[in-house]
Amino acid sequence: MLAEQTALNPIQLHLLEMFNHCDDEKMMLELKEVLAEFYAKQVQEEANRLWDEGTLNGEAIERILEEHWRTLHPSTSISMF
């Protein structure tokens, strides 16, 4: 059986090139931290947008906090909002 080949998009290729230049673990960890900060900012901006438009509110956050994410059964439907 032939393995399925997946094409990488330009962002994925760029990230691979960046990690290719990491000469040691310290550099790799620093780059991973920068990426984590980038994605945290994206999530925060999206949460702010949802809050401003009224989709996300205190009640929705309480429902999210009550969810058991680690043991989600495949037949369970997720509806946060």
N, C-alpha and C. Protein backbone atom coordinates (compact mmCIF):
# COMPACT_ATOMS: atom_id res chain seq x y z
N MET A 1 0.84 -1.18 0.00
CA MET A 1 0.00 0.00 0.00
C MET A 1 0.88 1.24 0.00
N LEU A 2 0.59 2.19 -0.86
CA LEU A 2 1.37 3.42 -0.95
C LEU A 2 0.92 4.40 0.11
N ALA A 3 1.87 5.07 0.72
CA ALA A 3 1.54 6.08 1.72
C ALA A 3 0.94 7.30 1.03
N GLU A 4 -0.05 7.89 1.66
CA GLU A 4 -0.67 9.09 1.12
C GLU A 4 0.29 10.26 1.28
N GLN A 5 0.48 11.01 0.22
CA GLN A 5 1.40 12.14 0.25
C GLN A 5 0.60 13.41 0.50
N THR A 6 1.04 14.22 1.43
CA THR A 6 0.36 15.45 1.78
C THR A 6 1.24 16.63 1.39
N ALA A 7 0.66 17.55 0.66
CA ALA A 7 1.40 18.75 0.27
C ALA A 7 1.37 19.75 1.41
N LEU A 8 2.48 20.40 1.65
CA LEU A 8 2.57 21.41 2.69
C LEU A 8 2.25 22.77 2.09
N ASN A 9 1.55 23.58 2.86
CA ASN A 9 1.25 24.93 2.37
C ASN A 9 2.46 25.83 2.63
N PRO A 10 2.45 27.04 2.08
CA PRO A 10 3.61 27.93 2.22
C PRO A 10 3.99 28.24 3.68
N ILE A 11 3.00 28.37 4.55
CA ILE A 11 3.30 28.65 5.96
C ILE A 11 4.02 27.47 6.59
N GLN A 12 3.55 26.26 6.32
CA GLN A 12 4.19 25.06 6.86
C GLN A 12 5.62 24.94 6.37
N LEU A 13 5.83 25.22 5.08
CA LEU A 13 7.17 25.15 4.53
C LEU A 13 8.09 26.18 5.19
N HIS A 14 7.57 27.38 5.42
CA HIS A 14 8.36 28.43 6.05
C HIS A 14 8.73 28.02 7.48
N LEU A 15 7.79 27.47 8.22
CA LEU A 15 8.08 27.02 9.59
C LEU A 15 9.13 25.93 9.60
N LEU A 16 9.03 25.00 8.67
CA LEU A 16 10.05 23.95 8.58
C LEU A 16 11.43 24.55 8.32
N GLU A 17 11.48 25.53 7.44
CA GLU A 17 12.76 26.19 7.15
C GLU A 17 13.29 26.91 8.39
N MET A 18 12.40 27.56 9.14
CA MET A 18 12.83 28.24 10.36
C MET A 18 13.40 27.24 11.37
N PHE A 19 12.69 26.13 11.58
CA PHE A 19 13.17 25.13 12.53
C PHE A 19 14.45 24.45 12.03
N ASN A 20 14.64 24.42 10.73
CA ASN A 20 15.86 23.84 10.16
C ASN A 20 17.10 24.63 10.58
N HIS A 21 16.92 25.91 10.88
CA HIS A 21 18.05 26.76 11.27
C HIS A 21 18.28 26.78 12.78
N CYS A 22 17.50 26.05 13.53
CA CYS A 22 17.70 25.96 14.98
C CYS A 22 18.90 25.05 15.24
N ASP A 23 19.96 25.64 15.73
CA ASP A 23 21.19 24.88 15.95
C ASP A 23 21.21 24.12 17.27
N ASP A 24 20.38 24.54 18.21
CA ASP A 24 20.37 23.85 19.49
C ASP A 24 18.96 23.89 20.10
N GLU A 25 18.81 23.20 21.19
CA GLU A 25 17.49 23.10 21.82
C GLU A 25 17.01 24.45 22.32
N LYS A 26 17.93 25.30 22.80
CA LYS A 26 17.55 26.63 23.30
C LYS A 26 16.88 27.45 22.20
N MET A 27 17.45 27.44 21.01
CA MET A 27 16.86 28.18 19.89
C MET A 27 15.48 27.62 19.55
N MET A 28 15.36 26.30 19.54
CA MET A 28 14.09 25.67 19.23
C MET A 28 13.03 26.08 20.25
N LEU A 29 13.39 26.06 21.53
CA LEU A 29 12.44 26.43 22.57
C LEU A 29 12.02 27.89 22.46
N GLU A 30 12.96 28.76 22.11
CA GLU A 30 12.63 30.18 21.92
C GLU A 30 11.66 30.37 20.76
N LEU A 31 11.90 29.68 19.67
CA LEU A 31 11.01 29.77 18.51
C LEU A 31 9.62 29.22 18.85
N LYS A 32 9.58 28.11 19.56
CA LYS A 32 8.30 27.56 19.98
C LYS A 32 7.54 28.52 20.88
N GLU A 33 8.26 29.24 21.74
CA GLU A 33 7.62 30.23 22.62
C GLU A 33 7.02 31.38 21.82
N VAL A 34 7.75 31.84 20.81
CA VAL A 34 7.24 32.91 19.96
C VAL A 34 5.95 32.45 19.26
N LEU A 35 5.95 31.23 18.75
CA LEU A 35 4.75 30.71 18.09
C LEU A 35 3.59 30.57 19.08
N ALA A 36 3.88 30.12 20.28
CA ALA A 36 2.83 29.97 21.30
C ALA A 36 2.23 31.33 21.64
N GLU A 37 3.07 32.35 21.77
CA GLU A 37 2.58 33.71 22.05
C GLU A 37 1.72 34.22 20.90
N PHE A 38 2.14 33.94 19.67
CA PHE A 38 1.37 34.35 18.50
C PHE A 38 -0.03 33.75 18.54
N TYR A 39 -0.11 32.43 18.78
CA TYR A 39 -1.41 31.77 18.79
C TYR A 39 -2.25 32.18 20.00
N ALA A 40 -1.62 32.45 21.12
CA ALA A 40 -2.37 32.93 22.29
C ALA A 40 -3.00 34.29 21.98
N LYS A 41 -2.26 35.14 21.27
CA LYS A 41 -2.80 36.45 20.88
C LYS A 41 -3.99 36.28 19.93
N GLN A 42 -3.88 35.35 18.99
CA GLN A 42 -4.97 35.11 18.05
C GLN A 42 -6.23 34.65 18.79
N VAL A 43 -6.06 33.73 19.75
CA VAL A 43 -7.19 33.22 20.52
C VAL A 43 -7.83 34.35 21.33
N GLN A 44 -7.00 35.17 21.97
CA GLN A 44 -7.52 36.28 22.77
C GLN A 44 -8.30 37.27 21.91
N GLU A 45 -7.78 37.58 20.73
CA GLU A 45 -8.48 38.51 19.83
C GLU A 45 -9.82 37.93 19.38
N GLU A 46 -9.86 36.64 19.09
CA GLU A 46 -11.11 36.01 18.69
C GLU A 46 -12.10 35.97 19.84
N ALA A 47 -11.62 35.68 21.05
CA ALA A 47 -12.50 35.68 22.22
C ALA A 47 -13.07 37.08 22.46
N ASN A 48 -12.24 38.10 22.30
CA ASN A 48 -12.72 39.48 22.45
C ASN A 48 -13.78 39.80 21.41
N ARG A 49 -13.56 39.37 20.18
CA ARG A 49 -14.54 39.62 19.11
C ARG A 49 -15.87 38.94 19.43
N LEU A 50 -15.81 37.67 19.86
CA LEU A 50 -17.02 36.94 20.20
C LEU A 50 -17.74 37.58 21.39
N TRP A 51 -16.97 38.08 22.36
CA TRP A 51 -17.57 38.75 23.52
C TRP A 51 -18.27 40.04 23.07
N ASP A 52 -17.59 40.83 22.24
CA ASP A 52 -18.15 42.10 21.78
C ASP A 52 -19.43 41.91 20.98
N GLU A 53 -19.52 40.83 20.22
CA GLU A 53 -20.74 40.60 19.42
C GLU A 53 -21.81 39.85 20.22
N GLY A 54 -21.50 39.46 21.46
CA GLY A 54 -22.49 38.82 22.32
C GLY A 54 -22.57 37.31 22.20
N THR A 55 -21.75 36.72 21.35
CA THR A 55 -21.77 35.26 21.20
C THR A 55 -21.17 34.59 22.42
N LEU A 56 -20.12 35.18 22.95
CA LEU A 56 -19.47 34.66 24.15
C LEU A 56 -19.86 35.55 25.32
N ASN A 57 -20.33 34.91 26.39
CA ASN A 57 -20.72 35.66 27.59
C ASN A 57 -20.43 34.81 28.82
N GLY A 58 -20.77 35.32 29.98
CA GLY A 58 -20.49 34.60 31.22
C GLY A 58 -21.12 33.22 31.25
N GLU A 59 -22.34 33.11 30.76
CA GLU A 59 -23.03 31.81 30.75
C GLU A 59 -22.31 30.81 29.85
N ALA A 60 -21.89 31.26 28.69
CA ALA A 60 -21.16 30.36 27.77
C ALA A 60 -19.84 29.92 28.39
N ILE A 61 -19.16 30.82 29.07
CA ILE A 61 -17.89 30.47 29.72
C ILE A 61 -18.12 29.44 30.81
N GLU A 62 -19.19 29.60 31.59
CA GLU A 62 -19.51 28.61 32.63
C GLU A 62 -19.76 27.24 32.02
N ARG A 63 -20.47 27.19 30.88
CA ARG A 63 -20.71 25.90 30.20
C ARG A 63 -19.40 25.28 29.73
N ILE A 64 -18.50 26.11 29.22
CA ILE A 64 -17.20 25.62 28.76
C ILE A 64 -16.42 25.03 29.94
N LEU A 65 -16.44 25.74 31.07
CA LEU A 65 -15.70 25.28 32.24
C LEU A 65 -16.25 23.98 32.80
N GLU A 66 -17.53 23.72 32.58
CA GLU A 66 -18.15 22.49 33.08
C GLU A 66 -17.92 21.29 32.15
N GLU A 67 -17.44 21.53 30.94
CA GLU A 67 -17.20 20.44 29.99
C GLU A 67 -16.04 19.56 30.45
N HIS A 68 -16.14 18.28 30.12
CA HIS A 68 -15.06 17.33 30.40
C HIS A 68 -14.40 16.99 29.07
N TRP A 69 -13.41 17.79 28.70
CA TRP A 69 -12.81 17.71 27.36
C TRP A 69 -11.98 16.45 27.14
N ARG A 70 -11.36 15.92 28.16
CA ARG A 70 -10.46 14.80 27.96
C ARG A 70 -11.16 13.49 27.65
N THR A 71 -12.39 13.34 28.08
CA THR A 71 -13.07 12.05 27.92
C THR A 71 -14.29 12.17 27.03
N LEU A 72 -14.21 13.02 26.03
CA LEU A 72 -15.33 13.24 25.14
C LEU A 72 -15.66 11.96 24.37
N HIS A 73 -16.88 11.56 24.44
CA HIS A 73 -17.35 10.38 23.72
C HIS A 73 -17.67 10.79 22.29
N PRO A 74 -17.37 9.95 21.29
CA PRO A 74 -17.61 10.31 19.89
C PRO A 74 -19.05 10.69 19.57
N SER A 75 -20.01 10.18 20.31
CA SER A 75 -21.42 10.49 20.01
C SER A 75 -21.87 11.78 20.68
N THR A 76 -20.98 12.42 21.47
CA THR A 76 -21.35 13.64 22.18
C THR A 76 -21.28 14.83 21.23
N SER A 77 -22.31 15.66 21.28
CA SER A 77 -22.34 16.87 20.47
C SER A 77 -21.84 18.03 21.31
N ILE A 78 -20.95 18.84 20.74
CA ILE A 78 -20.41 19.99 21.45
C ILE A 78 -21.11 21.24 20.94
N SER A 79 -21.70 21.98 21.87
CA SER A 79 -22.31 23.25 21.55
C SER A 79 -21.96 24.24 22.67
N MET A 80 -20.97 25.07 22.42
CA MET A 80 -20.53 26.01 23.45
C MET A 80 -21.38 27.26 23.49
N PHE A 81 -21.95 27.65 22.37
CA PHE A 81 -22.62 28.95 22.33
C PHE A 81 -24.07 28.79 22.01
